[in-house]
């Protein structure tokens, strides 16, 4: 069997940065468990409606 890398992006909704980090970690864990893969969240950015994007990585250097 061949091995491939996929890259995806998803929007999540959370009340604050701490909750967003927790949810991102949860999604990562579900992917790892369900598909026995090495899913890793590499970026978490604020993306408010109607505003400009802030490209600051909220998990820079952190492990979820």
N, C-alpha and C. Protein backbone atom coordinates (compact mmCIF):
# COMPACT_ATOMS: atom_id res chain seq x y z
N UNK A 1 0.84 -1.17 0.00
CA UNK A 1 0.00 0.00 0.00
C UNK A 1 0.89 1.24 0.00
N UNK A 2 0.52 2.21 -0.82
CA UNK A 2 1.27 3.46 -0.90
C UNK A 2 0.82 4.43 0.19
N UNK A 3 1.68 5.35 0.55
CA UNK A 3 1.38 6.34 1.58
C UNK A 3 1.28 7.72 0.92
N UNK A 4 0.27 8.51 1.35
CA UNK A 4 0.03 9.84 0.80
C UNK A 4 -0.18 10.82 1.94
N UNK A 5 0.10 12.08 1.68
CA UNK A 5 -0.12 13.15 2.63
C UNK A 5 -1.26 14.03 2.13
N UNK A 6 -2.25 14.29 2.98
CA UNK A 6 -3.31 15.22 2.61
C UNK A 6 -3.22 16.44 3.53
N UNK A 7 -3.58 17.57 2.99
CA UNK A 7 -3.62 18.81 3.76
C UNK A 7 -5.04 19.35 3.68
N UNK A 8 -5.64 19.64 4.82
CA UNK A 8 -7.00 20.16 4.84
C UNK A 8 -7.08 21.38 5.74
N UNK A 9 -8.13 22.16 5.55
CA UNK A 9 -8.40 23.30 6.42
C UNK A 9 -9.86 23.22 6.83
N UNK A 10 -10.16 23.56 8.06
CA UNK A 10 -11.53 23.54 8.57
C UNK A 10 -11.76 24.76 9.45
N UNK A 11 -12.99 25.23 9.45
CA UNK A 11 -13.38 26.28 10.39
C UNK A 11 -14.00 25.61 11.61
N UNK A 12 -13.65 26.07 12.79
CA UNK A 12 -14.28 25.61 14.01
C UNK A 12 -14.82 26.83 14.74
N UNK A 13 -15.78 26.62 15.58
CA UNK A 13 -16.37 27.71 16.36
C UNK A 13 -16.12 27.46 17.83
N UNK A 14 -15.61 28.47 18.52
CA UNK A 14 -15.31 28.35 19.95
C UNK A 14 -15.46 29.72 20.60
N UNK A 15 -15.71 29.71 21.91
CA UNK A 15 -15.95 30.98 22.60
C UNK A 15 -14.70 31.80 22.80
N UNK A 16 -13.53 31.16 22.83
CA UNK A 16 -12.28 31.89 23.01
C UNK A 16 -11.10 31.05 22.51
N UNK A 17 -9.91 31.62 22.61
CA UNK A 17 -8.70 30.94 22.11
C UNK A 17 -8.45 29.62 22.83
N UNK A 18 -8.65 29.59 24.13
CA UNK A 18 -8.42 28.37 24.91
C UNK A 18 -9.35 27.24 24.45
N UNK A 19 -10.62 27.59 24.24
CA UNK A 19 -11.59 26.59 23.77
C UNK A 19 -11.26 26.14 22.35
N UNK A 20 -10.78 27.05 21.51
CA UNK A 20 -10.40 26.69 20.14
C UNK A 20 -9.22 25.72 20.14
N UNK A 21 -8.25 25.96 21.01
CA UNK A 21 -7.10 25.05 21.12
C UNK A 21 -7.56 23.67 21.58
N UNK A 22 -8.47 23.65 22.55
CA UNK A 22 -8.99 22.38 23.06
C UNK A 22 -9.73 21.62 21.97
N UNK A 23 -10.57 22.30 21.22
CA UNK A 23 -11.32 21.66 20.15
C UNK A 23 -10.38 21.16 19.04
N UNK A 24 -9.38 21.95 18.70
CA UNK A 24 -8.40 21.52 17.69
C UNK A 24 -7.68 20.25 18.15
N UNK A 25 -7.32 20.19 19.41
CA UNK A 25 -6.69 18.99 19.95
C UNK A 25 -7.62 17.78 19.91
N UNK A 26 -8.90 18.03 20.19
CA UNK A 26 -9.88 16.95 20.14
C UNK A 26 -10.02 16.41 18.71
N UNK A 27 -10.15 17.30 17.74
CA UNK A 27 -10.28 16.90 16.33
C UNK A 27 -9.05 16.09 15.91
N UNK A 28 -7.88 16.55 16.31
CA UNK A 28 -6.64 15.85 16.01
C UNK A 28 -6.67 14.44 16.60
N UNK A 29 -7.11 14.30 17.84
CA UNK A 29 -7.17 13.00 18.50
C UNK A 29 -8.16 12.05 17.84
N UNK A 30 -9.30 12.56 17.44
CA UNK A 30 -10.30 11.73 16.77
C UNK A 30 -9.74 11.20 15.45
N UNK A 31 -9.08 12.06 14.69
CA UNK A 31 -8.48 11.63 13.43
C UNK A 31 -7.43 10.54 13.67
N UNK A 32 -6.61 10.74 14.66
CA UNK A 32 -5.56 9.74 14.95
C UNK A 32 -6.18 8.40 15.33
N UNK A 33 -7.20 8.44 16.17
CA UNK A 33 -7.82 7.20 16.64
C UNK A 33 -8.61 6.52 15.53
N UNK A 34 -9.41 7.28 14.81
CA UNK A 34 -10.30 6.72 13.80
C UNK A 34 -9.52 6.14 12.62
N UNK A 35 -8.49 6.83 12.18
CA UNK A 35 -7.78 6.43 10.96
C UNK A 35 -6.38 5.91 11.20
N UNK A 36 -5.99 5.77 12.46
CA UNK A 36 -4.66 5.27 12.80
C UNK A 36 -3.58 6.01 12.01
N UNK A 37 -3.72 7.34 11.96
CA UNK A 37 -2.75 8.13 11.22
C UNK A 37 -2.00 9.05 12.18
N UNK A 38 -1.19 9.88 11.67
CA UNK A 38 -0.41 10.79 12.50
C UNK A 38 -0.88 12.23 12.28
N UNK A 39 -2.20 12.42 12.38
CA UNK A 39 -2.79 13.74 12.21
C UNK A 39 -2.16 14.72 13.19
N UNK A 40 -1.83 15.89 12.71
CA UNK A 40 -1.18 16.90 13.54
C UNK A 40 -1.70 18.29 13.15
N UNK A 41 -2.26 19.00 14.12
CA UNK A 41 -2.70 20.37 13.88
C UNK A 41 -1.46 21.25 13.86
N UNK A 42 -1.24 21.97 12.76
CA UNK A 42 -0.03 22.78 12.63
C UNK A 42 -0.29 24.27 12.71
N UNK A 43 -1.54 24.70 12.49
CA UNK A 43 -1.88 26.12 12.55
C UNK A 43 -3.27 26.28 13.16
N UNK A 44 -3.43 27.35 13.91
CA UNK A 44 -4.72 27.77 14.42
C UNK A 44 -4.74 29.29 14.31
N UNK A 45 -5.67 29.81 13.52
CA UNK A 45 -5.72 31.26 13.27
C UNK A 45 -7.12 31.78 13.56
N UNK A 46 -7.22 33.01 13.98
CA UNK A 46 -8.50 33.67 14.14
C UNK A 46 -9.03 34.05 12.77
N UNK A 47 -10.33 33.80 12.53
CA UNK A 47 -10.94 34.10 11.22
C UNK A 47 -12.33 34.68 11.42
N UNK A 48 -12.43 35.91 11.92
CA UNK A 48 -13.74 36.51 12.18
C UNK A 48 -14.49 36.82 10.88
N UNK A 49 -15.82 36.79 10.96
CA UNK A 49 -16.65 37.14 9.80
C UNK A 49 -16.50 38.62 9.50
N UNK A 50 -16.43 38.95 8.23
CA UNK A 50 -16.42 40.33 7.80
C UNK A 50 -15.17 41.12 8.13
N UNK A 51 -14.17 40.46 8.67
CA UNK A 51 -12.93 41.16 9.00
C UNK A 51 -11.76 40.57 8.26
N UNK A 52 -10.66 41.25 8.35
CA UNK A 52 -9.45 40.71 7.73
C UNK A 52 -8.92 39.53 8.52
N UNK A 53 -8.21 38.68 7.84
CA UNK A 53 -7.63 37.52 8.51
C UNK A 53 -6.36 37.92 9.25
N UNK A 54 -6.19 37.35 10.41
CA UNK A 54 -4.97 37.54 11.19
C UNK A 54 -4.17 36.26 11.02
N UNK A 55 -3.02 36.35 10.37
CA UNK A 55 -2.26 35.13 10.08
C UNK A 55 -1.37 34.68 11.24
N UNK A 56 -1.62 35.18 12.44
CA UNK A 56 -0.86 34.76 13.61
C UNK A 56 -1.23 33.32 13.96
N UNK A 57 -0.23 32.46 14.07
CA UNK A 57 -0.45 31.07 14.44
C UNK A 57 -0.60 31.00 15.96
N UNK A 58 -1.80 30.69 16.44
CA UNK A 58 -2.09 30.68 17.87
C UNK A 58 -1.50 29.49 18.61
N UNK A 59 -0.97 28.52 17.88
CA UNK A 59 -0.37 27.35 18.53
C UNK A 59 1.11 27.21 18.19
N UNK A 60 1.72 28.28 17.75
CA UNK A 60 3.16 28.26 17.40
C UNK A 60 3.97 27.68 18.56
N UNK A 61 4.66 26.59 18.33
CA UNK A 61 5.53 26.00 19.33
C UNK A 61 4.81 25.18 20.39
N UNK A 62 3.48 25.06 20.33
CA UNK A 62 2.74 24.29 21.32
C UNK A 62 2.42 22.91 20.77
N UNK A 63 2.20 21.99 21.68
CA UNK A 63 1.77 20.63 21.32
C UNK A 63 0.36 20.47 21.87
N UNK A 64 -0.57 20.09 21.01
CA UNK A 64 -1.97 19.95 21.45
C UNK A 64 -2.21 18.59 22.04
